[in-house]
Amino acid sequence: MKTLIVYASHHGSAKKIAHRLAGEFGSEAVVEPVRNITSIDLDDYENVIIGCSIHAGKIQREIKTFTKKYQDRLMQKRLGLFICHMDEVDKARTYLENNFAPAILEKAVAKGFFGGEFNFDKMNIIERAIIKKIAKVEENVSNIKEDNVADFIKIYRNI
């Protein structure tokens, strides 16, 4: 079963997770940054996983545009959603509800909350200053929740 994994990543966490998932789903998985998709034939895929990061409570505009543009086709697929973030799981559920259409949320067989990373090497000076002030973090931090990734894979595979 061919799987499309579409992602948007600001500093790399969602990209890292998308490729990790592709490794789990094998040679039938195709990873594509949403910014590279101008048009796509979703008929080529039985499964679609959509992932992104959260910034200031919002997902990337490209993901919203993609899900809106292809919503009818996505409703015919085995759908999974994941987000990368540094907040608590309670906020992650709110982020999903506030950023994805109710039909997309209902259709998703698996929803993943995978933690995130603060990667100062990929941030501009303003982003670094904001993170240092708000999160009180001075260096790179990884908080990828591997157990959540494993659970997502099991649920998505229906194991």
Protein backbone atom coordinates (compact mmCIF):
# COMPACT_ATOMS: atom_id res chain seq x y z
CA MET A 1 0.00 0.00 0.00
CA LYS A 2 1.59 3.23 -1.16
CA THR A 3 1.86 5.98 1.47
CA LEU A 4 2.36 9.70 0.90
CA ILE A 5 3.87 11.62 3.79
CA VAL A 6 3.42 15.36 3.33
CA TYR A 7 5.06 17.74 5.78
CA ALA A 8 5.92 21.35 6.52
CA SER A 9 8.85 22.01 8.81
CA HIS A 10 10.20 25.32 9.96
CA HIS A 11 13.32 24.14 11.80
CA GLY A 12 13.46 20.45 10.90
CA SER A 13 11.51 18.46 13.52
CA ALA A 14 8.56 17.62 11.27
CA LYS A 15 10.95 16.75 8.44
CA LYS A 16 12.88 14.42 10.74
CA ILE A 17 9.66 12.70 11.84
CA ALA A 18 8.34 12.43 8.26
CA HIS A 19 11.50 10.61 7.21
CA ARG A 20 11.39 8.43 10.34
CA LEU A 21 7.81 7.39 9.47
CA ALA A 22 8.83 6.71 5.86
CA GLY A 23 11.53 4.37 7.15
CA GLU A 24 8.89 2.46 9.08
CA PHE A 25 6.54 2.18 6.10
CA GLY A 26 9.28 1.05 3.73
CA SER A 27 9.81 1.47 0.01
CA GLU A 28 6.13 2.19 -0.62
CA ALA A 29 6.40 5.47 1.33
CA VAL A 30 7.01 8.77 -0.45
CA VAL A 31 8.03 11.83 1.60
CA GLU A 32 7.25 15.20 0.10
CA PRO A 33 7.62 18.68 1.59
CA VAL A 34 4.31 20.41 0.99
CA ARG A 35 6.07 23.46 -0.46
CA ASN A 36 7.22 21.26 -3.39
CA ILE A 37 3.68 20.14 -4.26
CA THR A 38 2.00 22.22 -6.92
CA SER A 39 -0.35 19.43 -7.94
CA ILE A 40 -0.48 15.77 -7.05
CA ASP A 41 -2.56 12.78 -8.05
CA LEU A 42 -3.69 11.36 -4.74
CA ASP A 43 -5.15 8.38 -6.61
CA ASP A 44 -1.58 7.02 -6.60
CA TYR A 45 -1.75 6.61 -2.80
CA GLU A 46 -3.92 4.59 -0.44
CA ASN A 47 -2.49 6.25 2.66
CA VAL A 48 -1.70 9.89 3.39
CA ILE A 49 0.06 11.21 6.48
CA ILE A 50 0.22 14.97 7.01
CA GLY A 51 2.62 16.51 9.50
CA CYS A 52 3.82 19.92 10.53
CA SER A 53 5.21 21.99 13.32
CA ILE A 54 3.41 24.52 15.48
CA HIS A 55 4.51 28.14 15.83
CA ALA A 56 2.52 30.52 18.00
CA GLY A 57 -0.34 28.00 18.04
CA LYS A 58 -0.58 27.79 14.26
CA ILE A 59 0.36 25.25 11.62
CA GLN A 60 2.08 26.34 8.43
CA ARG A 61 -0.17 28.01 5.87
CA GLU A 62 0.95 25.54 3.18
CA ILE A 63 -0.50 22.63 5.17
CA LYS A 64 -3.83 24.44 5.58
CA THR A 65 -3.88 25.18 1.85
CA PHE A 66 -3.03 21.56 0.99
CA THR A 67 -5.73 20.07 3.22
CA LYS A 68 -8.32 22.53 1.94
CA LYS A 69 -7.40 22.02 -1.73
CA TYR A 70 -7.38 18.22 -1.50
CA GLN A 71 -9.97 17.67 1.24
CA ASP A 72 -12.38 15.70 -0.96
CA ARG A 73 -9.60 13.33 -2.07
CA LEU A 74 -8.16 13.07 1.44
CA MET A 75 -11.55 11.91 2.70
CA GLN A 76 -11.12 8.79 0.54
CA LYS A 77 -7.73 7.88 2.03
CA ARG A 78 -6.45 6.26 5.19
CA LEU A 79 -5.37 9.51 6.85
CA GLY A 80 -2.92 10.28 9.63
CA LEU A 81 -1.97 13.63 11.18
CA PHE A 82 0.99 14.61 13.32
CA ILE A 83 2.35 17.77 14.82
CA CYS A 84 5.68 18.66 16.35
CA HIS A 85 5.63 21.11 19.22
CA MET A 86 7.31 21.85 22.53
CA ASP A 87 4.09 22.29 24.56
CA GLU A 88 2.14 19.77 26.61
CA VAL A 89 -0.09 17.15 24.98
CA ASP A 90 -3.23 19.00 26.12
CA LYS A 91 -2.22 21.98 24.01
CA ALA A 92 -1.40 19.69 21.08
CA ARG A 93 -5.00 18.50 20.92
CA THR A 94 -6.14 22.11 20.93
CA TYR A 95 -3.68 22.95 18.15
CA LEU A 96 -5.09 20.14 16.00
CA GLU A 97 -8.69 21.20 16.65
CA ASN A 98 -7.94 24.85 15.92
CA ASN A 99 -5.94 24.26 12.75
CA PHE A 100 -7.51 21.35 10.87
CA ALA A 101 -11.00 21.11 9.43
CA PRO A 102 -13.35 18.97 11.56
CA ALA A 103 -13.86 16.51 8.67
CA ILE A 104 -10.09 15.98 8.35
CA LEU A 105 -9.76 15.45 12.10
CA GLU A 106 -12.61 12.96 12.14
CA LYS A 107 -11.20 11.05 9.16
CA ALA A 108 -7.72 10.68 10.67
CA VAL A 109 -7.22 7.16 12.03
CA ALA A 110 -4.12 8.29 13.92
CA LYS A 111 -3.15 11.63 15.42
CA GLY A 112 0.38 12.08 16.69
CA PHE A 113 1.87 14.57 19.12
CA PHE A 114 5.59 14.08 18.77
CA GLY A 115 7.25 16.78 20.83
CA GLY A 116 9.80 18.93 19.12
CA GLU A 117 13.15 20.59 19.16
CA PHE A 118 14.66 23.97 19.69
CA ASN A 119 17.46 24.07 17.15
CA PHE A 120 19.23 27.39 17.57
CA ASP A 121 21.44 26.65 14.56
CA LYS A 122 18.38 26.89 12.29
CA MET A 123 16.79 29.94 13.94
CA ASN A 124 17.32 33.56 13.07
CA ILE A 125 18.41 36.03 15.73
CA ILE A 126 14.84 37.11 16.54
CA GLU A 127 13.62 33.53 16.92
CA ARG A 128 16.56 32.72 19.22
CA ALA A 129 15.81 35.76 21.38
CA ILE A 130 12.12 34.86 21.65
CA ILE A 131 12.85 31.23 22.57
CA LYS A 132 15.46 32.27 25.13
CA LYS A 133 13.01 34.68 26.75
CA ILE A 134 9.81 32.62 26.62
CA ALA A 135 11.10 29.05 26.97
CA LYS A 136 14.12 30.03 29.04
CA VAL A 137 16.31 27.78 26.90
CA GLU A 138 19.87 28.73 26.01
CA GLU A 139 20.95 25.82 23.83
CA ASN A 140 19.63 23.20 21.42
CA VAL A 141 17.02 20.94 23.02
CA SER A 142 15.41 17.82 21.60
CA ASN A 143 12.16 16.59 23.08
CA ILE A 144 11.04 14.14 20.38
CA LYS A 145 8.65 11.69 22.00
CA GLU A 146 9.74 8.38 20.49
CA ASP A 147 7.02 6.46 22.39
CA ASN A 148 4.38 8.66 20.75
CA VAL A 149 5.91 8.02 17.33
CA ALA A 150 5.85 4.25 17.96
CA ASP A 151 2.24 4.43 19.17
CA PHE A 152 1.23 6.42 16.08
CA ILE A 153 2.78 3.78 13.82
CA LYS A 154 0.94 0.97 15.63
CA ILE A 155 -2.39 2.79 15.49
CA TYR A 156 -1.92 3.78 11.85
CA ARG A 157 -1.03 0.22 10.89
CA ASN A 158 -3.99 -0.99 12.96
CA ILE A 159 -1.78 -3.22 15.10
